[in-house]
Amino acid sequence: ADEPTSALDVTVQKAILDHLQRLRD
């Protein structure tokens, strides 16, 4: 994932990163 959240709002960034962590877990 190459800077997948750099242009996103903090709440949307958190949601995307939370989802990536769920995919990992």
PDBML (XML) file of the C-alpha atoms, coordinates in Angstrom:
<?xml version="1.0" encoding="UTF-8" ?>
<PDBx:datablock datablockName="MODEL"
   xmlns:PDBx="http://pdbml.pdb.org/schema/pdbx-v50.xsd"
   xmlns:xsi="http://www.w3.org/2001/XMLSchema-instance"
   xsi:schemaLocation="http://pdbml.pdb.org/schema/pdbx-v50.xsd pdbx-v50.xsd">
   <PDBx:atom_siteCategory>
      <PDBx:atom_site id="1">
         <PDBx:B_iso_or_equiv>0.00</PDBx:B_iso_or_equiv>
         <PDBx:Cartn_x>0.000</PDBx:Cartn_x>
         <PDBx:Cartn_y>0.000</PDBx:Cartn_y>
         <PDBx:Cartn_z>0.000</PDBx:Cartn_z>
         <PDBx:auth_asym_id>A</PDBx:auth_asym_id>
         <PDBx:auth_atom_id>CA</PDBx:auth_atom_id>
         <PDBx:auth_comp_id>ALA</PDBx:auth_comp_id>
         <PDBx:auth_seq_id>1</PDBx:auth_seq_id>
         <PDBx:group_PDB>ATOM</PDBx:group_PDB>
         <PDBx:label_alt_id xsi:nil="true" />
         <PDBx:label_asym_id>A</PDBx:label_asym_id>
         <PDBx:label_atom_id>CA</PDBx:label_atom_id>
         <PDBx:label_comp_id>ALA</PDBx:label_comp_id>
         <PDBx:label_entity_id>1</PDBx:label_entity_id>
         <PDBx:label_seq_id>1</PDBx:label_seq_id>
         <PDBx:occupancy>1.00</PDBx:occupancy>
         <PDBx:pdbx_PDB_model_num>1</PDBx:pdbx_PDB_model_num>
         <PDBx:type_symbol>C</PDBx:type_symbol>
      </PDBx:atom_site>
      <PDBx:atom_site id="2">
         <PDBx:B_iso_or_equiv>0.00</PDBx:B_iso_or_equiv>
         <PDBx:Cartn_x>1.721</PDBx:Cartn_x>
         <PDBx:Cartn_y>3.177</PDBx:Cartn_y>
         <PDBx:Cartn_z>-1.272</PDBx:Cartn_z>
         <PDBx:auth_asym_id>A</PDBx:auth_asym_id>
         <PDBx:auth_atom_id>CA</PDBx:auth_atom_id>
         <PDBx:auth_comp_id>ASP</PDBx:auth_comp_id>
         <PDBx:auth_seq_id>2</PDBx:auth_seq_id>
         <PDBx:group_PDB>ATOM</PDBx:group_PDB>
         <PDBx:label_alt_id xsi:nil="true" />
         <PDBx:label_asym_id>A</PDBx:label_asym_id>
         <PDBx:label_atom_id>CA</PDBx:label_atom_id>
         <PDBx:label_comp_id>ASP</PDBx:label_comp_id>
         <PDBx:label_entity_id>1</PDBx:label_entity_id>
         <PDBx:label_seq_id>2</PDBx:label_seq_id>
         <PDBx:occupancy>1.00</PDBx:occupancy>
         <PDBx:pdbx_PDB_model_num>1</PDBx:pdbx_PDB_model_num>
         <PDBx:type_symbol>C</PDBx:type_symbol>
      </PDBx:atom_site>
      <PDBx:atom_site id="3">
         <PDBx:B_iso_or_equiv>0.00</PDBx:B_iso_or_equiv>
         <PDBx:Cartn_x>0.516</PDBx:Cartn_x>
         <PDBx:Cartn_y>6.185</PDBx:Cartn_y>
         <PDBx:Cartn_z>0.781</PDBx:Cartn_z>
         <PDBx:auth_asym_id>A</PDBx:auth_asym_id>
         <PDBx:auth_atom_id>CA</PDBx:auth_atom_id>
         <PDBx:auth_comp_id>GLU</PDBx:auth_comp_id>
         <PDBx:auth_seq_id>3</PDBx:auth_seq_id>
         <PDBx:group_PDB>ATOM</PDBx:group_PDB>
         <PDBx:label_alt_id xsi:nil="true" />
         <PDBx:label_asym_id>A</PDBx:label_asym_id>
         <PDBx:label_atom_id>CA</PDBx:label_atom_id>
         <PDBx:label_comp_id>GLU</PDBx:label_comp_id>
         <PDBx:label_entity_id>1</PDBx:label_entity_id>
         <PDBx:label_seq_id>3</PDBx:label_seq_id>
         <PDBx:occupancy>1.00</PDBx:occupancy>
         <PDBx:pdbx_PDB_model_num>1</PDBx:pdbx_PDB_model_num>
         <PDBx:type_symbol>C</PDBx:type_symbol>
      </PDBx:atom_site>
      <PDBx:atom_site id="4">
         <PDBx:B_iso_or_equiv>0.00</PDBx:B_iso_or_equiv>
         <PDBx:Cartn_x>-3.078</PDBx:Cartn_x>
         <PDBx:Cartn_y>4.855</PDBx:Cartn_y>
         <PDBx:Cartn_z>0.719</PDBx:Cartn_z>
         <PDBx:auth_asym_id>A</PDBx:auth_asym_id>
         <PDBx:auth_atom_id>CA</PDBx:auth_atom_id>
         <PDBx:auth_comp_id>PRO</PDBx:auth_comp_id>
         <PDBx:auth_seq_id>4</PDBx:auth_seq_id>
         <PDBx:group_PDB>ATOM</PDBx:group_PDB>
         <PDBx:label_alt_id xsi:nil="true" />
         <PDBx:label_asym_id>A</PDBx:label_asym_id>
         <PDBx:label_atom_id>CA</PDBx:label_atom_id>
         <PDBx:label_comp_id>PRO</PDBx:label_comp_id>
         <PDBx:label_entity_id>1</PDBx:label_entity_id>
         <PDBx:label_seq_id>4</PDBx:label_seq_id>
         <PDBx:occupancy>1.00</PDBx:occupancy>
         <PDBx:pdbx_PDB_model_num>1</PDBx:pdbx_PDB_model_num>
         <PDBx:type_symbol>C</PDBx:type_symbol>
      </PDBx:atom_site>
      <PDBx:atom_site id="5">
         <PDBx:B_iso_or_equiv>0.00</PDBx:B_iso_or_equiv>
         <PDBx:Cartn_x>-4.442</PDBx:Cartn_x>
         <PDBx:Cartn_y>7.487</PDBx:Cartn_y>
         <PDBx:Cartn_z>3.129</PDBx:Cartn_z>
         <PDBx:auth_asym_id>A</PDBx:auth_asym_id>
         <PDBx:auth_atom_id>CA</PDBx:auth_atom_id>
         <PDBx:auth_comp_id>THR</PDBx:auth_comp_id>
         <PDBx:auth_seq_id>5</PDBx:auth_seq_id>
         <PDBx:group_PDB>ATOM</PDBx:group_PDB>
         <PDBx:label_alt_id xsi:nil="true" />
         <PDBx:label_asym_id>A</PDBx:label_asym_id>
         <PDBx:label_atom_id>CA</PDBx:label_atom_id>
         <PDBx:label_comp_id>THR</PDBx:label_comp_id>
         <PDBx:label_entity_id>1</PDBx:label_entity_id>
         <PDBx:label_seq_id>5</PDBx:label_seq_id>
         <PDBx:occupancy>1.00</PDBx:occupancy>
         <PDBx:pdbx_PDB_model_num>1</PDBx:pdbx_PDB_model_num>
         <PDBx:type_symbol>C</PDBx:type_symbol>
      </PDBx:atom_site>
      <PDBx:atom_site id="6">
         <PDBx:B_iso_or_equiv>0.00</PDBx:B_iso_or_equiv>
         <PDBx:Cartn_x>-2.256</PDBx:Cartn_x>
         <PDBx:Cartn_y>10.573</PDBx:Cartn_y>
         <PDBx:Cartn_z>2.599</PDBx:Cartn_z>
         <PDBx:auth_asym_id>A</PDBx:auth_asym_id>
         <PDBx:auth_atom_id>CA</PDBx:auth_atom_id>
         <PDBx:auth_comp_id>SER</PDBx:auth_comp_id>
         <PDBx:auth_seq_id>6</PDBx:auth_seq_id>
         <PDBx:group_PDB>ATOM</PDBx:group_PDB>
         <PDBx:label_alt_id xsi:nil="true" />
         <PDBx:label_asym_id>A</PDBx:label_asym_id>
         <PDBx:label_atom_id>CA</PDBx:label_atom_id>
         <PDBx:label_comp_id>SER</PDBx:label_comp_id>
         <PDBx:label_entity_id>1</PDBx:label_entity_id>
         <PDBx:label_seq_id>6</PDBx:label_seq_id>
         <PDBx:occupancy>1.00</PDBx:occupancy>
         <PDBx:pdbx_PDB_model_num>1</PDBx:pdbx_PDB_model_num>
         <PDBx:type_symbol>C</PDBx:type_symbol>
      </PDBx:atom_site>
      <PDBx:atom_site id="7">
         <PDBx:B_iso_or_equiv>0.00</PDBx:B_iso_or_equiv>
         <PDBx:Cartn_x>-5.019</PDBx:Cartn_x>
         <PDBx:Cartn_y>12.557</PDBx:Cartn_y>
         <PDBx:Cartn_z>0.854</PDBx:Cartn_z>
         <PDBx:auth_asym_id>A</PDBx:auth_asym_id>
         <PDBx:auth_atom_id>CA</PDBx:auth_atom_id>
         <PDBx:auth_comp_id>ALA</PDBx:auth_comp_id>
         <PDBx:auth_seq_id>7</PDBx:auth_seq_id>
         <PDBx:group_PDB>ATOM</PDBx:group_PDB>
         <PDBx:label_alt_id xsi:nil="true" />
         <PDBx:label_asym_id>A</PDBx:label_asym_id>
         <PDBx:label_atom_id>CA</PDBx:label_atom_id>
         <PDBx:label_comp_id>ALA</PDBx:label_comp_id>
         <PDBx:label_entity_id>1</PDBx:label_entity_id>
         <PDBx:label_seq_id>7</PDBx:label_seq_id>
         <PDBx:occupancy>1.00</PDBx:occupancy>
         <PDBx:pdbx_PDB_model_num>1</PDBx:pdbx_PDB_model_num>
         <PDBx:type_symbol>C</PDBx:type_symbol>
      </PDBx:atom_site>
      <PDBx:atom_site id="8">
         <PDBx:B_iso_or_equiv>0.00</PDBx:B_iso_or_equiv>
         <PDBx:Cartn_x>-7.838</PDBx:Cartn_x>
         <PDBx:Cartn_y>11.495</PDBx:Cartn_y>
         <PDBx:Cartn_z>3.187</PDBx:Cartn_z>
         <PDBx:auth_asym_id>A</PDBx:auth_asym_id>
         <PDBx:auth_atom_id>CA</PDBx:auth_atom_id>
         <PDBx:auth_comp_id>LEU</PDBx:auth_comp_id>
         <PDBx:auth_seq_id>8</PDBx:auth_seq_id>
         <PDBx:group_PDB>ATOM</PDBx:group_PDB>
         <PDBx:label_alt_id xsi:nil="true" />
         <PDBx:label_asym_id>A</PDBx:label_asym_id>
         <PDBx:label_atom_id>CA</PDBx:label_atom_id>
         <PDBx:label_comp_id>LEU</PDBx:label_comp_id>
         <PDBx:label_entity_id>1</PDBx:label_entity_id>
         <PDBx:label_seq_id>8</PDBx:label_seq_id>
         <PDBx:occupancy>1.00</PDBx:occupancy>
         <PDBx:pdbx_PDB_model_num>1</PDBx:pdbx_PDB_model_num>
         <PDBx:type_symbol>C</PDBx:type_symbol>
      </PDBx:atom_site>
      <PDBx:atom_site id="9">
         <PDBx:B_iso_or_equiv>0.00</PDBx:B_iso_or_equiv>
         <PDBx:Cartn_x>-9.480</PDBx:Cartn_x>
         <PDBx:Cartn_y>13.116</PDBx:Cartn_y>
         <PDBx:Cartn_z>6.189</PDBx:Cartn_z>
         <PDBx:auth_asym_id>A</PDBx:auth_asym_id>
         <PDBx:auth_atom_id>CA</PDBx:auth_atom_id>
         <PDBx:auth_comp_id>ASP</PDBx:auth_comp_id>
         <PDBx:auth_seq_id>9</PDBx:auth_seq_id>
         <PDBx:group_PDB>ATOM</PDBx:group_PDB>
         <PDBx:label_alt_id xsi:nil="true" />
         <PDBx:label_asym_id>A</PDBx:label_asym_id>
         <PDBx:label_atom_id>CA</PDBx:label_atom_id>
         <PDBx:label_comp_id>ASP</PDBx:label_comp_id>
         <PDBx:label_entity_id>1</PDBx:label_entity_id>
         <PDBx:label_seq_id>9</PDBx:label_seq_id>
         <PDBx:occupancy>1.00</PDBx:occupancy>
         <PDBx:pdbx_PDB_model_num>1</PDBx:pdbx_PDB_model_num>
         <PDBx:type_symbol>C</PDBx:type_symbol>
      </PDBx:atom_site>
      <PDBx:atom_site id="10">
         <PDBx:B_iso_or_equiv>0.00</PDBx:B_iso_or_equiv>
         <PDBx:Cartn_x>-8.396</PDBx:Cartn_x>
         <PDBx:Cartn_y>11.790</PDBx:Cartn_y>
         <PDBx:Cartn_z>9.576</PDBx:Cartn_z>
         <PDBx:auth_asym_id>A</PDBx:auth_asym_id>
         <PDBx:auth_atom_id>CA</PDBx:auth_atom_id>
         <PDBx:auth_comp_id>VAL</PDBx:auth_comp_id>
         <PDBx:auth_seq_id>10</PDBx:auth_seq_id>
         <PDBx:group_PDB>ATOM</PDBx:group_PDB>
         <PDBx:label_alt_id xsi:nil="true" />
         <PDBx:label_asym_id>A</PDBx:label_asym_id>
         <PDBx:label_atom_id>CA</PDBx:label_atom_id>
         <PDBx:label_comp_id>VAL</PDBx:label_comp_id>
         <PDBx:label_entity_id>1</PDBx:label_entity_id>
         <PDBx:label_seq_id>10</PDBx:label_seq_id>
         <PDBx:occupancy>1.00</PDBx:occupancy>
         <PDBx:pdbx_PDB_model_num>1</PDBx:pdbx_PDB_model_num>
         <PDBx:type_symbol>C</PDBx:type_symbol>
      </PDBx:atom_site>
      <PDBx:atom_site id="11">
         <PDBx:B_iso_or_equiv>0.00</PDBx:B_iso_or_equiv>
         <PDBx:Cartn_x>-11.657</PDBx:Cartn_x>
         <PDBx:Cartn_y>9.941</PDBx:Cartn_y>
         <PDBx:Cartn_z>10.215</PDBx:Cartn_z>
         <PDBx:auth_asym_id>A</PDBx:auth_asym_id>
         <PDBx:auth_atom_id>CA</PDBx:auth_atom_id>
         <PDBx:auth_comp_id>THR</PDBx:auth_comp_id>
         <PDBx:auth_seq_id>11</PDBx:auth_seq_id>
         <PDBx:group_PDB>ATOM</PDBx:group_PDB>
         <PDBx:label_alt_id xsi:nil="true" />
         <PDBx:label_asym_id>A</PDBx:label_asym_id>
         <PDBx:label_atom_id>CA</PDBx:label_atom_id>
         <PDBx:label_comp_id>THR</PDBx:label_comp_id>
         <PDBx:label_entity_id>1</PDBx:label_entity_id>
         <PDBx:label_seq_id>11</PDBx:label_seq_id>
         <PDBx:occupancy>1.00</PDBx:occupancy>
         <PDBx:pdbx_PDB_model_num>1</PDBx:pdbx_PDB_model_num>
         <PDBx:type_symbol>C</PDBx:type_symbol>
      </PDBx:atom_site>
      <PDBx:atom_site id="12">
         <PDBx:B_iso_or_equiv>0.00</PDBx:B_iso_or_equiv>
         <PDBx:Cartn_x>-11.643</PDBx:Cartn_x>
         <PDBx:Cartn_y>8.337</PDBx:Cartn_y>
         <PDBx:Cartn_z>6.758</PDBx:Cartn_z>
         <PDBx:auth_asym_id>A</PDBx:auth_asym_id>
         <PDBx:auth_atom_id>CA</PDBx:auth_atom_id>
         <PDBx:auth_comp_id>VAL</PDBx:auth_comp_id>
         <PDBx:auth_seq_id>12</PDBx:auth_seq_id>
         <PDBx:group_PDB>ATOM</PDBx:group_PDB>
         <PDBx:label_alt_id xsi:nil="true" />
         <PDBx:label_asym_id>A</PDBx:label_asym_id>
         <PDBx:label_atom_id>CA</PDBx:label_atom_id>
         <PDBx:label_comp_id>VAL</PDBx:label_comp_id>
         <PDBx:label_entity_id>1</PDBx:label_entity_id>
         <PDBx:label_seq_id>12</PDBx:label_seq_id>
         <PDBx:occupancy>1.00</PDBx:occupancy>
         <PDBx:pdbx_PDB_model_num>1</PDBx:pdbx_PDB_model_num>
         <PDBx:type_symbol>C</PDBx:type_symbol>
      </PDBx:atom_site>
      <PDBx:atom_site id="13">
         <PDBx:B_iso_or_equiv>0.00</PDBx:B_iso_or_equiv>
         <PDBx:Cartn_x>-7.929</PDBx:Cartn_x>
         <PDBx:Cartn_y>7.573</PDBx:Cartn_y>
         <PDBx:Cartn_z>7.180</PDBx:Cartn_z>
         <PDBx:auth_asym_id>A</PDBx:auth_asym_id>
         <PDBx:auth_atom_id>CA</PDBx:auth_atom_id>
         <PDBx:auth_comp_id>GLN</PDBx:auth_comp_id>
         <PDBx:auth_seq_id>13</PDBx:auth_seq_id>
         <PDBx:group_PDB>ATOM</PDBx:group_PDB>
         <PDBx:label_alt_id xsi:nil="true" />
         <PDBx:label_asym_id>A</PDBx:label_asym_id>
         <PDBx:label_atom_id>CA</PDBx:label_atom_id>
         <PDBx:label_comp_id>GLN</PDBx:label_comp_id>
         <PDBx:label_entity_id>1</PDBx:label_entity_id>
         <PDBx:label_seq_id>13</PDBx:label_seq_id>
         <PDBx:occupancy>1.00</PDBx:occupancy>
         <PDBx:pdbx_PDB_model_num>1</PDBx:pdbx_PDB_model_num>
         <PDBx:type_symbol>C</PDBx:type_symbol>
      </PDBx:atom_site>
      <PDBx:atom_site id="14">
         <PDBx:B_iso_or_equiv>0.00</PDBx:B_iso_or_equiv>
         <PDBx:Cartn_x>-8.692</PDBx:Cartn_x>
         <PDBx:Cartn_y>5.808</PDBx:Cartn_y>
         <PDBx:Cartn_z>10.449</PDBx:Cartn_z>
         <PDBx:auth_asym_id>A</PDBx:auth_asym_id>
         <PDBx:auth_atom_id>CA</PDBx:auth_atom_id>
         <PDBx:auth_comp_id>LYS</PDBx:auth_comp_id>
         <PDBx:auth_seq_id>14</PDBx:auth_seq_id>
         <PDBx:group_PDB>ATOM</PDBx:group_PDB>
         <PDBx:label_alt_id xsi:nil="true" />
         <PDBx:label_asym_id>A</PDBx:label_asym_id>
         <PDBx:label_atom_id>CA</PDBx:label_atom_id>
         <PDBx:label_comp_id>LYS</PDBx:label_comp_id>
         <PDBx:label_entity_id>1</PDBx:label_entity_id>
         <PDBx:label_seq_id>14</PDBx:label_seq_id>
         <PDBx:occupancy>1.00</PDBx:occupancy>
         <PDBx:pdbx_PDB_model_num>1</PDBx:pdbx_PDB_model_num>
         <PDBx:type_symbol>C</PDBx:type_symbol>
      </PDBx:atom_site>
      <PDBx:atom_site id="15">
         <PDBx:B_iso_or_equiv>0.00</PDBx:B_iso_or_equiv>
         <PDBx:Cartn_x>-11.479</PDBx:Cartn_x>
         <PDBx:Cartn_y>3.781</PDBx:Cartn_y>
         <PDBx:Cartn_z>8.836</PDBx:Cartn_z>
         <PDBx:auth_asym_id>A</PDBx:auth_asym_id>
         <PDBx:auth_atom_id>CA</PDBx:auth_atom_id>
         <PDBx:auth_comp_id>ALA</PDBx:auth_comp_id>
         <PDBx:auth_seq_id>15</PDBx:auth_seq_id>
         <PDBx:group_PDB>ATOM</PDBx:group_PDB>
         <PDBx:label_alt_id xsi:nil="true" />
         <PDBx:label_asym_id>A</PDBx:label_asym_id>
         <PDBx:label_atom_id>CA</PDBx:label_atom_id>
         <PDBx:label_comp_id>ALA</PDBx:label_comp_id>
         <PDBx:label_entity_id>1</PDBx:label_entity_id>
         <PDBx:label_seq_id>15</PDBx:label_seq_id>
         <PDBx:occupancy>1.00</PDBx:occupancy>
         <PDBx:pdbx_PDB_model_num>1</PDBx:pdbx_PDB_model_num>
         <PDBx:type_symbol>C</PDBx:type_symbol>
      </PDBx:atom_site>
      <PDBx:atom_site id="16">
         <PDBx:B_iso_or_equiv>0.00</PDBx:B_iso_or_equiv>
         <PDBx:Cartn_x>-9.204</PDBx:Cartn_x>
         <PDBx:Cartn_y>2.661</PDBx:Cartn_y>
         <PDBx:Cartn_z>5.961</PDBx:Cartn_z>
         <PDBx:auth_asym_id>A</PDBx:auth_asym_id>
         <PDBx:auth_atom_id>CA</PDBx:auth_atom_id>
         <PDBx:auth_comp_id>ILE</PDBx:auth_comp_id>
         <PDBx:auth_seq_id>16</PDBx:auth_seq_id>
         <PDBx:group_PDB>ATOM</PDBx:group_PDB>
         <PDBx:label_alt_id xsi:nil="true" />
         <PDBx:label_asym_id>A</PDBx:label_asym_id>
         <PDBx:label_atom_id>CA</PDBx:label_atom_id>
         <PDBx:label_comp_id>ILE</PDBx:label_comp_id>
         <PDBx:label_entity_id>1</PDBx:label_entity_id>
         <PDBx:label_seq_id>16</PDBx:label_seq_id>
         <PDBx:occupancy>1.00</PDBx:occupancy>
         <PDBx:pdbx_PDB_model_num>1</PDBx:pdbx_PDB_model_num>
         <PDBx:type_symbol>C</PDBx:type_symbol>
      </PDBx:atom_site>
      <PDBx:atom_site id="17">
         <PDBx:B_iso_or_equiv>0.00</PDBx:B_iso_or_equiv>
         <PDBx:Cartn_x>-6.340</PDBx:Cartn_x>
         <PDBx:Cartn_y>1.743</PDBx:Cartn_y>
         <PDBx:Cartn_z>8.293</PDBx:Cartn_z>
         <PDBx:auth_asym_id>A</PDBx:auth_asym_id>
         <PDBx:auth_atom_id>CA</PDBx:auth_atom_id>
         <PDBx:auth_comp_id>LEU</PDBx:auth_comp_id>
         <PDBx:auth_seq_id>17</PDBx:auth_seq_id>
         <PDBx:group_PDB>ATOM</PDBx:group_PDB>
         <PDBx:label_alt_id xsi:nil="true" />
         <PDBx:label_asym_id>A</PDBx:label_asym_id>
         <PDBx:label_atom_id>CA</PDBx:label_atom_id>
         <PDBx:label_comp_id>LEU</PDBx:label_comp_id>
         <PDBx:label_entity_id>1</PDBx:label_entity_id>
         <PDBx:label_seq_id>17</PDBx:label_seq_id>
         <PDBx:occupancy>1.00</PDBx:occupancy>
         <PDBx:pdbx_PDB_model_num>1</PDBx:pdbx_PDB_model_num>
         <PDBx:type_symbol>C</PDBx:type_symbol>
      </PDBx:atom_site>
      <PDBx:atom_site id="18">
         <PDBx:B_iso_or_equiv>0.00</PDBx:B_iso_or_equiv>
         <PDBx:Cartn_x>-8.728</PDBx:Cartn_x>
         <PDBx:Cartn_y>-0.051</PDBx:Cartn_y>
         <PDBx:Cartn_z>10.649</PDBx:Cartn_z>
         <PDBx:auth_asym_id>A</PDBx:auth_asym_id>
         <PDBx:auth_atom_id>CA</PDBx:auth_atom_id>
         <PDBx:auth_comp_id>ASP</PDBx:auth_comp_id>
         <PDBx:auth_seq_id>18</PDBx:auth_seq_id>
         <PDBx:group_PDB>ATOM</PDBx:group_PDB>
         <PDBx:label_alt_id xsi:nil="true" />
         <PDBx:label_asym_id>A</PDBx:label_asym_id>
         <PDBx:label_atom_id>CA</PDBx:label_atom_id>
         <PDBx:label_comp_id>ASP</PDBx:label_comp_id>
         <PDBx:label_entity_id>1</PDBx:label_entity_id>
         <PDBx:label_seq_id>18</PDBx:label_seq_id>
         <PDBx:occupancy>1.00</PDBx:occupancy>
         <PDBx:pdbx_PDB_model_num>1</PDBx:pdbx_PDB_model_num>
         <PDBx:type_symbol>C</PDBx:type_symbol>
      </PDBx:atom_site>
      <PDBx:atom_site id="19">
         <PDBx:B_iso_or_equiv>0.00</PDBx:B_iso_or_equiv>
         <PDBx:Cartn_x>-9.936</PDBx:Cartn_x>
         <PDBx:Cartn_y>-2.088</PDBx:Cartn_y>
         <PDBx:Cartn_z>7.701</PDBx:Cartn_z>
         <PDBx:auth_asym_id>A</PDBx:auth_asym_id>
         <PDBx:auth_atom_id>CA</PDBx:auth_atom_id>
         <PDBx:auth_comp_id>HIS</PDBx:auth_comp_id>
         <PDBx:auth_seq_id>19</PDBx:auth_seq_id>
         <PDBx:group_PDB>ATOM</PDBx:group_PDB>
         <PDBx:label_alt_id xsi:nil="true" />
         <PDBx:label_asym_id>A</PDBx:label_asym_id>
         <PDBx:label_atom_id>CA</PDBx:label_atom_id>
         <PDBx:label_comp_id>HIS</PDBx:label_comp_id>
         <PDBx:label_entity_id>1</PDBx:label_entity_id>
         <PDBx:label_seq_id>19</PDBx:label_seq_id>
         <PDBx:occupancy>1.00</PDBx:occupancy>
         <PDBx:pdbx_PDB_model_num>1</PDBx:pdbx_PDB_model_num>
         <PDBx:type_symbol>C</PDBx:type_symbol>
      </PDBx:atom_site>
      <PDBx:atom_site id="20">
         <PDBx:B_iso_or_equiv>0.00</PDBx:B_iso_or_equiv>
         <PDBx:Cartn_x>-6.421</PDBx:Cartn_x>
         <PDBx:Cartn_y>-2.989</PDBx:Cartn_y>
         <PDBx:Cartn_z>6.555</PDBx:Cartn_z>
         <PDBx:auth_asym_id>A</PDBx:auth_asym_id>
         <PDBx:auth_atom_id>CA</PDBx:auth_atom_id>
         <PDBx:auth_comp_id>LEU</PDBx:auth_comp_id>
         <PDBx:auth_seq_id>20</PDBx:auth_seq_id>
         <PDBx:group_PDB>ATOM</PDBx:group_PDB>
         <PDBx:label_alt_id xsi:nil="true" />
         <PDBx:label_asym_id>A</PDBx:label_asym_id>
         <PDBx:label_atom_id>CA</PDBx:label_atom_id>
         <PDBx:label_comp_id>LEU</PDBx:label_comp_id>
         <PDBx:label_entity_id>1</PDBx:label_entity_id>
         <PDBx:label_seq_id>20</PDBx:label_seq_id>
         <PDBx:occupancy>1.00</PDBx:occupancy>
         <PDBx:pdbx_PDB_model_num>1</PDBx:pdbx_PDB_model_num>
         <PDBx:type_symbol>C</PDBx:type_symbol>
      </PDBx:atom_site>
      <PDBx:atom_site id="21">
         <PDBx:B_iso_or_equiv>0.00</PDBx:B_iso_or_equiv>
         <PDBx:Cartn_x>-5.701</PDBx:Cartn_x>
         <PDBx:Cartn_y>-4.180</PDBx:Cartn_y>
         <PDBx:Cartn_z>10.084</PDBx:Cartn_z>
         <PDBx:auth_asym_id>A</PDBx:auth_asym_id>
         <PDBx:auth_atom_id>CA</PDBx:auth_atom_id>
         <PDBx:auth_comp_id>GLN</PDBx:auth_comp_id>
         <PDBx:auth_seq_id>21</PDBx:auth_seq_id>
         <PDBx:group_PDB>ATOM</PDBx:group_PDB>
         <PDBx:label_alt_id xsi:nil="true" />
         <PDBx:label_asym_id>A</PDBx:label_asym_id>
         <PDBx:label_atom_id>CA</PDBx:label_atom_id>
         <PDBx:label_comp_id>GLN</PDBx:label_comp_id>
         <PDBx:label_entity_id>1</PDBx:label_entity_id>
         <PDBx:label_seq_id>21</PDBx:label_seq_id>
         <PDBx:occupancy>1.00</PDBx:occupancy>
         <PDBx:pdbx_PDB_model_num>1</PDBx:pdbx_PDB_model_num>
         <PDBx:type_symbol>C</PDBx:type_symbol>
      </PDBx:atom_site>
      <PDBx:atom_site id="22">
         <PDBx:B_iso_or_equiv>0.00</PDBx:B_iso_or_equiv>
         <PDBx:Cartn_x>-8.827</PDBx:Cartn_x>
         <PDBx:Cartn_y>-6.337</PDBx:Cartn_y>
         <PDBx:Cartn_z>10.049</PDBx:Cartn_z>
         <PDBx:auth_asym_id>A</PDBx:auth_asym_id>
         <PDBx:auth_atom_id>CA</PDBx:auth_atom_id>
         <PDBx:auth_comp_id>ARG</PDBx:auth_comp_id>
         <PDBx:auth_seq_id>22</PDBx:auth_seq_id>
         <PDBx:group_PDB>ATOM</PDBx:group_PDB>
         <PDBx:label_alt_id xsi:nil="true" />
         <PDBx:label_asym_id>A</PDBx:label_asym_id>
         <PDBx:label_atom_id>CA</PDBx:label_atom_id>
         <PDBx:label_comp_id>ARG</PDBx:label_comp_id>
         <PDBx:label_entity_id>1</PDBx:label_entity_id>
         <PDBx:label_seq_id>22</PDBx:label_seq_id>
         <PDBx:occupancy>1.00</PDBx:occupancy>
         <PDBx:pdbx_PDB_model_num>1</PDBx:pdbx_PDB_model_num>
         <PDBx:type_symbol>C</PDBx:type_symbol>
      </PDBx:atom_site>
      <PDBx:atom_site id="23">
         <PDBx:B_iso_or_equiv>0.00</PDBx:B_iso_or_equiv>
         <PDBx:Cartn_x>-7.705</PDBx:Cartn_x>
         <PDBx:Cartn_y>-7.927</PDBx:Cartn_y>
         <PDBx:Cartn_z>6.764</PDBx:Cartn_z>
         <PDBx:auth_asym_id>A</PDBx:auth_asym_id>
         <PDBx:auth_atom_id>CA</PDBx:auth_atom_id>
         <PDBx:auth_comp_id>LEU</PDBx:auth_comp_id>
         <PDBx:auth_seq_id>23</PDBx:auth_seq_id>
         <PDBx:group_PDB>ATOM</PDBx:group_PDB>
         <PDBx:label_alt_id xsi:nil="true" />
         <PDBx:label_asym_id>A</PDBx:label_asym_id>
         <PDBx:label_atom_id>CA</PDBx:label_atom_id>
         <PDBx:label_comp_id>LEU</PDBx:label_comp_id>
         <PDBx:label_entity_id>1</PDBx:label_entity_id>
         <PDBx:label_seq_id>23</PDBx:label_seq_id>
         <PDBx:occupancy>1.00</PDBx:occupancy>
         <PDBx:pdbx_PDB_model_num>1</PDBx:pdbx_PDB_model_num>
         <PDBx:type_symbol>C</PDBx:type_symbol>
      </PDBx:atom_site>
      <PDBx:atom_site id="24">
         <PDBx:B_iso_or_equiv>0.00</PDBx:B_iso_or_equiv>
         <PDBx:Cartn_x>-4.379</PDBx:Cartn_x>
         <PDBx:Cartn_y>-8.692</PDBx:Cartn_y>
         <PDBx:Cartn_z>8.397</PDBx:Cartn_z>
         <PDBx:auth_asym_id>A</PDBx:auth_asym_id>
         <PDBx:auth_atom_id>CA</PDBx:auth_atom_id>
         <PDBx:auth_comp_id>ARG</PDBx:auth_comp_id>
         <PDBx:auth_seq_id>24</PDBx:auth_seq_id>
         <PDBx:group_PDB>ATOM</PDBx:group_PDB>
         <PDBx:label_alt_id xsi:nil="true" />
         <PDBx:label_asym_id>A</PDBx:label_asym_id>
         <PDBx:label_atom_id>CA</PDBx:label_atom_id>
         <PDBx:label_comp_id>ARG</PDBx:label_comp_id>
         <PDBx:label_entity_id>1</PDBx:label_entity_id>
         <PDBx:label_seq_id>24</PDBx:label_seq_id>
         <PDBx:occupancy>1.00</PDBx:occupancy>
         <PDBx:pdbx_PDB_model_num>1</PDBx:pdbx_PDB_model_num>
         <PDBx:type_symbol>C</PDBx:type_symbol>
      </PDBx:atom_site>
      <PDBx:atom_site id="25">
         <PDBx:B_iso_or_equiv>0.00</PDBx:B_iso_or_equiv>
         <PDBx:Cartn_x>-5.965</PDBx:Cartn_x>
         <PDBx:Cartn_y>-10.106</PDBx:Cartn_y>
         <PDBx:Cartn_z>11.566</PDBx:Cartn_z>
         <PDBx:auth_asym_id>A</PDBx:auth_asym_id>
         <PDBx:auth_atom_id>CA</PDBx:auth_atom_id>
         <PDBx:auth_comp_id>ASP</PDBx:auth_comp_id>
         <PDBx:auth_seq_id>25</PDBx:auth_seq_id>
         <PDBx:group_PDB>ATOM</PDBx:group_PDB>
         <PDBx:label_alt_id xsi:nil="true" />
         <PDBx:label_asym_id>A</PDBx:label_asym_id>
         <PDBx:label_atom_id>CA</PDBx:label_atom_id>
         <PDBx:label_comp_id>ASP</PDBx:label_comp_id>
         <PDBx:label_entity_id>1</PDBx:label_entity_id>
         <PDBx:label_seq_id>25</PDBx:label_seq_id>
         <PDBx:occupancy>1.00</PDBx:occupancy>
         <PDBx:pdbx_PDB_model_num>1</PDBx:pdbx_PDB_model_num>
         <PDBx:type_symbol>C</PDBx:type_symbol>
      </PDBx:atom_site>
   </PDBx:atom_siteCategory>
</PDBx:datablock>
